[in-house]
């Protein structure tokens, strides 16, 4: 090789390395920029468009209870969204008691809130206070749960409980195929309209899939038990079920919270390899972790308290701005969480 060519080639090589280094540094800088943009976008997502000044407005929210992570996360979402949009937030806790929730709502009405967000413990007992709010020109938005149609309210904001239940039921029927299912059903509390709709979705999903795939229905539900939407209730219900029905190989639940406590009873009975769990809702972080790490928790469906809280405040602001043509029910999109997608929805730091 001509020695006169060595130096230029060395320079060319150094230049090439410098270009690669600069490109690498530029690439490393992108995530930081994107991260900042993501944070800004998240803050922008919480901003609600309003033609009126919201600074003097007050949002009132009454929860049926704060004894479950879901209720806590929902309250936090409503509070943060309200305050990020310059409004005042007032909250009241029904303390898992119908009479106390009625009194709590009446107190919010007396304080003169501009919009009332209500999560009823009972679909009938809160009808009267919605009419009281109507007489005070306070719009009522029902969130998460449901209320009797005779109530005075603008819209109900909740997850699509029927569609979510159907997705979970379909998954279960596909999983078992022709294999015999012996099912225990864990419900929240008797007469709850949301629980009833989730249950309906689960059963529809199972039976429709069996008819489509097998040409017949094989739905063997041995028992139903109520958990009062609590870990302790789920544990007690499952202990009783396993004593009376040792042949159970499937547990379907109206919510993750109904079955999370039941897992302890299943484990103590040495049956985690014999029982498959399917929930019609919620996407609670503990349930998602089980779905990721085990084979006995098959699936759940998304019921995001964060999104429901944001939507509820957004609709209240839209009402303040003059909108009146609301649908009677406003759903968040149905979504099934299984082992294939669970990791993308798992947040160990989330309240729920």
Foldseek 3Di string as FASTA:
>chain_A
DPPVVVVVVVVVVVVVVVVVVVVVVVVVCVVVVVVVVVVVVVLVVLAFDFPDQQQEAEEEEEDAADPDLLSVQLVVLLCVSQVSHNHHYHYYYNHNPLVSSLVRLVVVLVVPHQEYEYAHPAQESNQVSQVVSVVSVHAYEYEAFHHPPSHGHQAYEWAQLLQLLLVLLLVVLVVQPPNAAAEEEEFADPPGPSRVSNVNNNVCNNQVNCCVRPVGDRDHYPYYAHQNLALVSLCVVLLVCCVVCVQHAEYEYQEPRNHPSVVVSCVVVVNLVRHAYTYSDDLDQVLLVCQQPHRRDFKYKHIDSNVRSSVVVNVSSVVVNPDRPDDRYDHDYIGMDHNVCSVVSHDPPRSD
